[in-house]
Amino acid sequence: MAIFLIANGPMQTTAAFVAVTTGTAIKTMLQVKPSATIIAKIIEWGISFDGFVAALPIKVELIETDVAATVTASVANDITKLDSDALMGGDPTTNLIQVGTTSTGYTSSGEGTITAVRNLDAPQFISPTNQFIKQFPLGNEPTIQINKFGRIRVTAGTAVNAYCYMVVKV
């Protein structure tokens, strides 16, 4: 299995990684869809905010659902290969991670009509001046099932910018 870092934006090149606004309505910041034949294990995830005033905490969720959000599609260059299996495996979007506006991507413009979710981790209240990082113990990683979507979703009282990511093993 190969390990990949997927963040909520295009890969940075000559400029710093671009932060994305949370807005004030519920918003999927990052969505990951594994291939049609293999699950994805989340070995780490995190989110940080650039607020400079402590205010109403932001609701943050790591969930799985069978309904896609409409997102800006990630491309192969946006997915960082972290280990030797990933480096030797070629393009991860060919058979490991599906990309597209209703697959793996970031900055939702529409949440879809969700009727049920499965929590992949406990929801968090996180200050807009803070961050949250969680690495799961080996053997206890939550999984994104085949034909499902893993999402980092936020609801903010006041919009701030955010970075978020998942490190997945597929």
Protein backbone atom coordinates (compact mmCIF):
# COMPACT_ATOMS: atom_id res chain seq x y z
CA MET A 1 0.00 0.00 0.00
CA ALA A 2 1.19 3.51 -0.84
CA ILE A 3 0.91 6.64 1.32
CA PHE A 4 -0.26 10.01 -0.02
CA LEU A 5 -0.81 13.52 1.34
CA ILE A 6 -3.92 15.24 -0.03
CA ALA A 7 -4.56 18.87 0.94
CA ASN A 8 -7.32 21.38 0.27
CA GLY A 9 -5.78 23.16 -2.68
CA PRO A 10 -3.54 22.91 -5.70
CA MET A 11 0.08 21.97 -5.15
CA GLN A 12 2.20 25.01 -4.34
CA THR A 13 5.01 25.77 -6.76
CA THR A 14 6.63 29.23 -6.80
CA ALA A 15 4.20 30.65 -4.22
CA ALA A 16 3.02 29.43 -0.82
CA PHE A 17 0.10 27.04 -0.50
CA VAL A 18 -3.18 28.97 -0.87
CA ALA A 19 -5.49 29.02 2.16
CA VAL A 20 -9.22 28.56 1.54
CA THR A 21 -11.99 30.50 3.29
CA THR A 22 -14.36 28.56 5.48
CA GLY A 23 -17.37 30.81 4.89
CA THR A 24 -20.16 30.74 7.48
CA ALA A 25 -22.33 27.89 6.13
CA ILE A 26 -21.39 24.22 6.32
CA LYS A 27 -18.62 23.59 3.80
CA THR A 28 -16.55 20.62 2.70
CA MET A 29 -12.95 21.80 2.68
CA LEU A 30 -11.52 18.50 1.38
CA GLN A 31 -13.12 15.42 -0.16
CA VAL A 32 -11.30 12.16 -0.90
CA LYS A 33 -12.67 9.26 -2.95
CA PRO A 34 -10.63 6.05 -3.17
CA SER A 35 -10.56 3.86 -6.27
CA ALA A 36 -13.49 1.67 -7.22
CA THR A 37 -11.61 -1.42 -6.03
CA ILE A 38 -9.69 -0.50 -2.86
CA ILE A 39 -10.41 1.31 0.40
CA ALA A 40 -8.36 4.23 1.72
CA LYS A 41 -7.08 4.21 5.30
CA ILE A 42 -6.69 7.64 6.91
CA ILE A 43 -3.48 7.55 8.93
CA GLU A 44 -3.46 11.27 9.79
CA TRP A 45 -5.57 14.36 9.28
CA GLY A 46 -5.42 17.97 10.34
CA ILE A 47 -6.73 21.47 9.94
CA SER A 48 -5.43 24.91 10.88
CA PHE A 49 -6.96 28.37 10.75
CA ASP A 50 -5.46 31.84 10.28
CA GLY A 51 -7.81 33.76 12.56
CA PHE A 52 -6.08 36.36 14.71
CA VAL A 53 -8.87 36.91 17.25
CA ALA A 54 -10.19 34.19 19.50
CA ALA A 55 -13.87 33.90 18.65
CA LEU A 56 -16.66 31.34 18.37
CA PRO A 57 -15.03 27.94 17.77
CA ILE A 58 -15.34 26.34 14.34
CA LYS A 59 -17.17 23.01 14.09
CA VAL A 60 -14.92 20.50 12.31
CA GLU A 61 -15.93 17.01 11.19
CA LEU A 62 -14.16 14.08 9.56
CA ILE A 63 -16.94 12.05 7.96
CA GLU A 64 -17.74 9.47 5.32
CA THR A 65 -20.81 9.75 3.12
CA ASP A 66 -22.15 8.20 -0.07
CA VAL A 67 -23.08 11.59 -1.54
CA ALA A 68 -20.45 13.71 -3.28
CA ALA A 69 -19.97 17.39 -2.67
CA THR A 70 -19.27 19.45 -5.79
CA VAL A 71 -15.61 20.41 -5.44
CA THR A 72 -12.69 21.83 -7.37
CA ALA A 73 -11.09 18.68 -8.75
CA SER A 74 -7.66 17.68 -7.53
CA VAL A 75 -5.18 16.53 -10.17
CA ALA A 76 -2.25 14.11 -9.94
CA ASN A 77 0.24 16.88 -9.05
CA ASP A 78 -1.92 17.91 -6.05
CA ILE A 79 -1.43 14.49 -4.46
CA THR A 80 1.95 14.19 -2.74
CA LYS A 81 3.64 10.78 -2.79
CA LEU A 82 5.04 10.22 0.72
CA ASP A 83 6.66 6.79 0.69
CA SER A 84 8.68 4.60 -1.68
CA ASP A 85 5.62 2.58 -2.76
CA ALA A 86 3.89 5.80 -3.80
CA LEU A 87 7.01 7.13 -5.55
CA MET A 88 7.40 3.94 -7.57
CA GLY A 89 3.68 3.52 -8.27
CA GLY A 90 3.19 6.10 -10.99
CA ASP A 91 0.12 8.32 -11.29
CA PRO A 92 -2.14 7.71 -8.24
CA THR A 93 -5.19 9.00 -10.15
CA THR A 94 -5.08 6.06 -12.57
CA ASN A 95 -6.11 3.36 -10.12
CA LEU A 96 -5.83 4.47 -6.47
CA ILE A 97 -7.55 7.83 -5.96
CA GLN A 98 -10.42 9.08 -8.10
CA VAL A 99 -10.32 12.79 -9.00
CA GLY A 100 -13.00 15.07 -10.42
CA THR A 101 -15.64 17.58 -9.36
CA THR A 102 -17.62 14.79 -7.68
CA SER A 103 -14.60 12.77 -6.50
CA THR A 104 -11.37 13.94 -4.82
CA GLY A 105 -11.10 17.70 -4.56
CA TYR A 106 -11.39 20.74 -2.37
CA THR A 107 -13.43 23.90 -1.63
CA SER A 108 -16.99 22.69 -2.02
CA SER A 109 -19.45 24.82 -3.97
CA GLY A 110 -22.33 22.45 -3.16
CA GLU A 111 -22.75 19.90 -0.38
CA GLY A 112 -25.20 17.55 -2.08
CA THR A 113 -28.24 16.09 -0.34
CA ILE A 114 -26.76 13.99 2.44
CA THR A 115 -29.10 11.62 4.26
CA ALA A 116 -26.54 9.76 6.40
CA VAL A 117 -22.91 10.02 7.44
CA ARG A 118 -20.44 7.80 9.26
CA ASN A 119 -18.10 9.62 11.61
CA LEU A 120 -14.47 8.75 10.89
CA ASP A 121 -13.32 10.63 13.99
CA ALA A 122 -15.01 12.58 16.75
CA PRO A 123 -16.22 16.07 15.80
CA GLN A 124 -14.18 18.97 17.18
CA PHE A 125 -14.69 22.59 18.19
CA ILE A 126 -11.49 24.37 17.16
CA SER A 127 -10.64 28.01 17.82
CA PRO A 128 -10.15 30.10 14.65
CA THR A 129 -6.66 30.91 16.00
CA ASN A 130 -5.68 27.28 16.43
CA GLN A 131 -5.08 23.95 14.70
CA PHE A 132 -5.85 20.26 15.13
CA ILE A 133 -3.71 17.32 14.03
CA LYS A 134 -4.44 13.66 14.69
CA GLN A 135 -2.42 10.61 13.77
CA PHE A 136 -4.20 7.28 14.23
CA PRO A 137 -2.48 4.29 15.86
CA LEU A 138 -1.46 1.61 13.36
CA GLY A 139 -4.25 -0.90 12.98
CA ASN A 140 -6.87 1.60 14.15
CA GLU A 141 -7.07 3.87 11.10
CA PRO A 142 -10.57 4.80 9.93
CA THR A 143 -11.31 3.71 6.37
CA ILE A 144 -13.06 5.35 3.46
CA GLN A 145 -15.01 2.56 1.81
CA ILE A 146 -15.24 1.85 -1.91
CA ASN A 147 -17.77 4.20 -3.59
CA LYS A 148 -17.81 6.50 -0.53
CA PHE A 149 -16.37 9.93 0.14
CA GLY A 150 -14.20 11.00 3.06
CA ARG A 151 -14.69 14.67 3.91
CA ILE A 152 -13.26 17.32 6.19
CA ARG A 153 -16.22 19.61 6.75
CA VAL A 154 -16.45 22.87 8.71
CA THR A 155 -19.10 25.27 9.97
CA ALA A 156 -17.72 28.64 11.08
CA GLY A 157 -19.48 31.52 12.84
CA THR A 158 -17.07 33.95 11.17
CA ALA A 159 -15.17 33.12 8.00
CA VAL A 160 -11.43 32.52 8.31
CA ASN A 161 -8.91 30.84 6.02
CA ALA A 162 -7.94 27.22 6.52
CA TYR A 163 -5.44 24.60 5.49
CA CYS A 164 -6.51 20.99 5.91
CA TYR A 165 -5.22 17.62 4.78
CA MET A 166 -5.51 13.87 4.98
CA VAL A 167 -2.66 11.40 4.81
CA VAL A 168 -4.12 8.24 3.29
CA LYS A 169 -2.84 4.75 2.62
CA VAL A 170 -4.27 3.04 -0.47
